[in-house]
Amino acid sequence: MLCECCWQETFETAYERLTKRREEREASEKEAAEAVHVLDPNASFREKAWITLKEPSFSRFAKIFYLFSVFVIVVSVVTNTTETIPCQGAIRICKEENEDIYFYMDTVCVGFFTFEYVTRLAVCPNRLKFIINQMSIVDLLAILPFYIDLLLNALSFDAQLGMNALVVLRVLRILRIFKLLRHSKRLKN
């Protein structure tokens, strides 16, 4: 055990190191935040739109868009989860009991995801880099099952083959959860 004078000296040294690290981290975070907010006054609409979609702290609208996007992702995940649960007092699952509601909810969510993806693609600085980016691939894979399902239904695809395809598409819809990664700085790293 350390005597009081040694303990105090050791504690103060450790405290100083921790304080210094915290100050460095805060300075680094502040510098990064300021760098994001510094945008050339002559920036094009496309550049401003890209920053708005990419960085929630850029503006009030960017923050609102970010929060709405997270809300739609959560609604989509909850909807996709609850549609497989048996309805209370019924033998069938909730989606079979409330098919129209689930279809409209999914349509609205996928519509928003499609709008977001197409907008990001339209305003990104480098389209090829955007398309091959992992998060963009996840975004695309999260919305494709909806459109493939619509196509299969429109073509009146063979029922048995269609059911097998729908099972695969339903599994791919789980990728919507990974859209949340775009909004988590800690999970990205």
Protein backbone atom coordinates (compact mmCIF):
# COMPACT_ATOMS: atom_id res chain seq x y z
CA MET A 1 0.00 0.00 0.00
CA LEU A 2 1.24 3.48 -0.83
CA CYS A 3 1.87 6.06 1.82
CA GLU A 4 -0.26 9.19 1.66
CA CYS A 5 2.35 11.41 -0.02
CA CYS A 6 3.19 8.80 -2.70
CA TRP A 7 -0.46 8.03 -3.29
CA GLN A 8 -1.27 11.71 -3.77
CA GLU A 9 1.66 12.17 -6.18
CA THR A 10 0.66 9.09 -8.19
CA PHE A 11 -2.98 10.15 -8.24
CA GLU A 12 -2.13 13.68 -9.37
CA THR A 13 0.09 12.38 -12.18
CA ALA A 14 -2.63 10.03 -13.41
CA TYR A 15 -5.24 12.77 -13.09
CA GLU A 16 -3.06 15.18 -15.10
CA ARG A 17 -2.63 12.57 -17.87
CA LEU A 18 -6.36 11.88 -17.99
CA THR A 19 -7.15 15.60 -18.05
CA LYS A 20 -4.66 16.16 -20.86
CA ARG A 21 -6.12 13.29 -22.92
CA ARG A 22 -9.66 14.56 -22.37
CA GLU A 23 -8.67 18.08 -23.45
CA GLU A 24 -6.92 16.72 -26.55
CA ARG A 25 -9.97 14.62 -27.44
CA GLU A 26 -12.33 17.56 -26.94
CA ALA A 27 -10.09 19.82 -29.04
CA SER A 28 -9.99 17.19 -31.78
CA GLU A 29 -13.78 16.76 -31.73
CA LYS A 30 -14.29 20.53 -31.79
CA GLU A 31 -11.89 20.87 -34.70
CA ALA A 32 -13.70 18.12 -36.61
CA ALA A 33 -17.08 19.72 -35.92
CA GLU A 34 -15.85 23.12 -37.06
CA ALA A 35 -14.38 21.61 -40.20
CA VAL A 36 -17.78 20.19 -41.09
CA HIS A 37 -19.52 23.51 -40.59
CA VAL A 38 -17.03 25.41 -42.72
CA LEU A 39 -18.47 25.34 -46.19
CA ASP A 40 -17.48 27.63 -48.99
CA PRO A 41 -20.13 30.38 -49.26
CA ASN A 42 -20.06 29.82 -53.01
CA ALA A 43 -20.72 26.08 -52.63
CA SER A 44 -23.16 24.64 -55.10
CA PHE A 45 -26.59 23.33 -54.16
CA ARG A 46 -25.25 19.83 -54.77
CA GLU A 47 -22.40 20.30 -52.25
CA LYS A 48 -24.76 21.75 -49.66
CA ALA A 49 -27.25 18.93 -50.19
CA TRP A 50 -24.49 16.32 -49.83
CA ILE A 51 -23.28 17.80 -46.54
CA THR A 52 -26.89 18.06 -45.34
CA LEU A 53 -27.49 14.35 -46.02
CA LYS A 54 -24.12 13.26 -44.68
CA GLU A 55 -23.63 15.39 -41.57
CA PRO A 56 -26.57 15.92 -39.17
CA SER A 57 -24.75 18.69 -37.31
CA PHE A 58 -24.45 20.81 -40.47
CA SER A 59 -27.79 22.57 -40.08
CA ARG A 60 -31.16 22.40 -38.39
CA PHE A 61 -32.65 20.84 -41.54
CA ALA A 62 -29.85 18.25 -41.61
CA LYS A 63 -30.64 17.32 -38.00
CA ILE A 64 -34.38 17.04 -38.73
CA PHE A 65 -33.71 14.91 -41.82
CA TYR A 66 -31.37 12.69 -39.79
CA LEU A 67 -33.93 12.21 -37.00
CA PHE A 68 -36.71 11.51 -39.49
CA SER A 69 -34.50 8.97 -41.27
CA VAL A 70 -33.78 7.15 -38.01
CA PHE A 71 -37.51 7.23 -37.18
CA VAL A 72 -38.42 5.67 -40.56
CA ILE A 73 -35.76 2.97 -40.10
CA VAL A 74 -37.15 2.10 -36.66
CA VAL A 75 -40.74 2.05 -37.99
CA SER A 76 -39.64 -0.21 -40.84
CA VAL A 77 -37.83 -2.64 -38.54
CA VAL A 78 -40.74 -2.75 -36.08
CA THR A 79 -43.23 -3.25 -38.92
CA ASN A 80 -41.19 -6.07 -40.43
CA THR A 81 -40.86 -7.70 -37.03
CA THR A 82 -44.50 -7.43 -35.97
CA GLU A 83 -45.87 -8.74 -39.26
CA THR A 84 -44.53 -12.21 -38.39
CA ILE A 85 -46.15 -12.35 -34.94
CA PRO A 86 -49.41 -14.29 -34.54
CA CYS A 87 -52.33 -11.91 -33.98
CA GLN A 88 -54.08 -12.07 -30.65
CA GLY A 89 -57.05 -14.41 -30.85
CA ALA A 90 -56.24 -15.43 -34.43
CA ILE A 91 -54.49 -18.40 -35.95
CA ARG A 92 -52.87 -16.34 -38.68
CA ILE A 93 -49.94 -13.94 -38.40
CA CYS A 94 -50.56 -10.20 -38.13
CA LYS A 95 -49.57 -9.50 -41.73
CA GLU A 96 -52.27 -11.87 -42.98
CA GLU A 97 -54.85 -10.23 -40.70
CA ASN A 98 -53.82 -6.65 -41.62
CA GLU A 99 -52.24 -7.03 -45.04
CA ASP A 100 -53.17 -3.58 -46.35
CA ILE A 101 -51.79 -1.75 -43.31
CA TYR A 102 -48.47 -3.58 -43.51
CA PHE A 103 -48.23 -3.03 -47.26
CA TYR A 104 -48.83 0.73 -46.89
CA MET A 105 -46.37 1.02 -44.01
CA ASP A 106 -43.72 -0.84 -46.01
CA THR A 107 -44.46 1.24 -49.11
CA VAL A 108 -44.03 4.53 -47.24
CA CYS A 109 -40.79 3.38 -45.58
CA VAL A 110 -39.30 2.00 -48.80
CA GLY A 111 -40.44 5.12 -50.64
CA PHE A 112 -38.48 7.25 -48.19
CA PHE A 113 -35.43 4.93 -48.37
CA THR A 114 -35.57 5.09 -52.17
CA PHE A 115 -35.81 8.89 -52.11
CA GLU A 116 -32.86 9.06 -49.71
CA TYR A 117 -30.73 6.66 -51.80
CA VAL A 118 -31.48 8.37 -55.12
CA THR A 119 -30.89 11.82 -53.60
CA ARG A 120 -27.57 10.74 -52.09
CA LEU A 121 -26.56 9.26 -55.44
CA ALA A 122 -27.57 12.43 -57.28
CA VAL A 123 -25.64 14.83 -55.02
CA CYS A 124 -22.60 12.75 -54.03
CA PRO A 125 -19.20 14.05 -55.15
CA ASN A 126 -18.14 10.73 -56.70
CA ARG A 127 -20.91 8.39 -57.92
CA LEU A 128 -18.71 5.33 -58.46
CA LYS A 129 -17.23 5.64 -54.98
CA PHE A 130 -20.75 6.06 -53.59
CA ILE A 131 -22.11 3.00 -55.40
CA ILE A 132 -19.33 0.69 -54.17
CA ASN A 133 -19.43 2.05 -50.61
CA GLN A 134 -20.53 -0.63 -48.12
CA MET A 135 -23.27 1.50 -46.58
CA SER A 136 -24.68 2.33 -50.02
CA ILE A 137 -24.76 -1.37 -50.89
CA VAL A 138 -26.60 -2.07 -47.62
CA ASP A 139 -29.07 0.73 -48.43
CA LEU A 140 -29.70 -0.71 -51.88
CA LEU A 141 -30.07 -4.28 -50.60
CA ALA A 142 -32.54 -3.01 -48.00
CA ILE A 143 -34.90 -1.58 -50.63
CA LEU A 144 -34.50 -4.04 -53.52
CA PRO A 145 -36.60 -6.84 -51.94
CA PHE A 146 -39.66 -4.57 -51.95
CA TYR A 147 -39.35 -3.84 -55.67
CA ILE A 148 -38.54 -7.46 -56.53
CA ASP A 149 -41.60 -8.56 -54.55
CA LEU A 150 -43.76 -6.06 -56.48
CA LEU A 151 -42.32 -7.34 -59.76
CA LEU A 152 -42.94 -10.99 -58.85
CA ASN A 153 -46.53 -10.20 -57.88
CA ALA A 154 -47.10 -8.19 -61.07
CA LEU A 155 -45.79 -11.06 -63.20
CA SER A 156 -47.95 -13.59 -61.30
CA PHE A 157 -44.89 -15.68 -60.66
CA ASP A 158 -45.23 -19.45 -60.04
CA ALA A 159 -46.62 -19.75 -56.51
CA GLN A 160 -44.15 -22.30 -55.11
CA LEU A 161 -41.09 -20.71 -56.71
CA GLY A 162 -42.41 -17.31 -55.71
CA MET A 163 -42.81 -18.38 -52.08
CA ASN A 164 -39.17 -19.54 -51.97
CA ALA A 165 -38.06 -16.24 -53.47
CA LEU A 166 -40.18 -14.30 -50.97
CA VAL A 167 -38.54 -16.08 -48.05
CA VAL A 168 -35.14 -14.96 -49.34
CA LEU A 169 -36.44 -11.43 -49.91
CA ARG A 170 -37.89 -11.28 -46.39
CA VAL A 171 -34.49 -12.24 -44.96
CA LEU A 172 -32.86 -9.48 -47.03
CA ARG A 173 -35.29 -6.95 -45.54
CA ILE A 174 -33.51 -7.47 -42.23
CA LEU A 175 -30.68 -5.46 -43.78
CA ARG A 176 -32.71 -2.35 -42.99
CA ILE A 177 -31.44 -2.66 -39.45
CA PHE A 178 -27.96 -2.05 -40.79
CA LYS A 179 -29.09 1.29 -42.22
CA LEU A 180 -28.82 2.47 -38.62
CA LEU A 181 -25.05 2.00 -38.92
CA ARG A 182 -24.95 5.06 -41.17
CA HIS A 183 -26.16 7.10 -38.20
CA SER A 184 -23.76 5.70 -35.61
CA LYS A 185 -20.25 7.13 -35.61
CA ARG A 186 -19.09 4.55 -33.06
CA LEU A 187 -20.36 1.58 -35.05
CA LYS A 188 -18.81 2.90 -38.29
CA ASN A 189 -15.29 2.82 -36.83
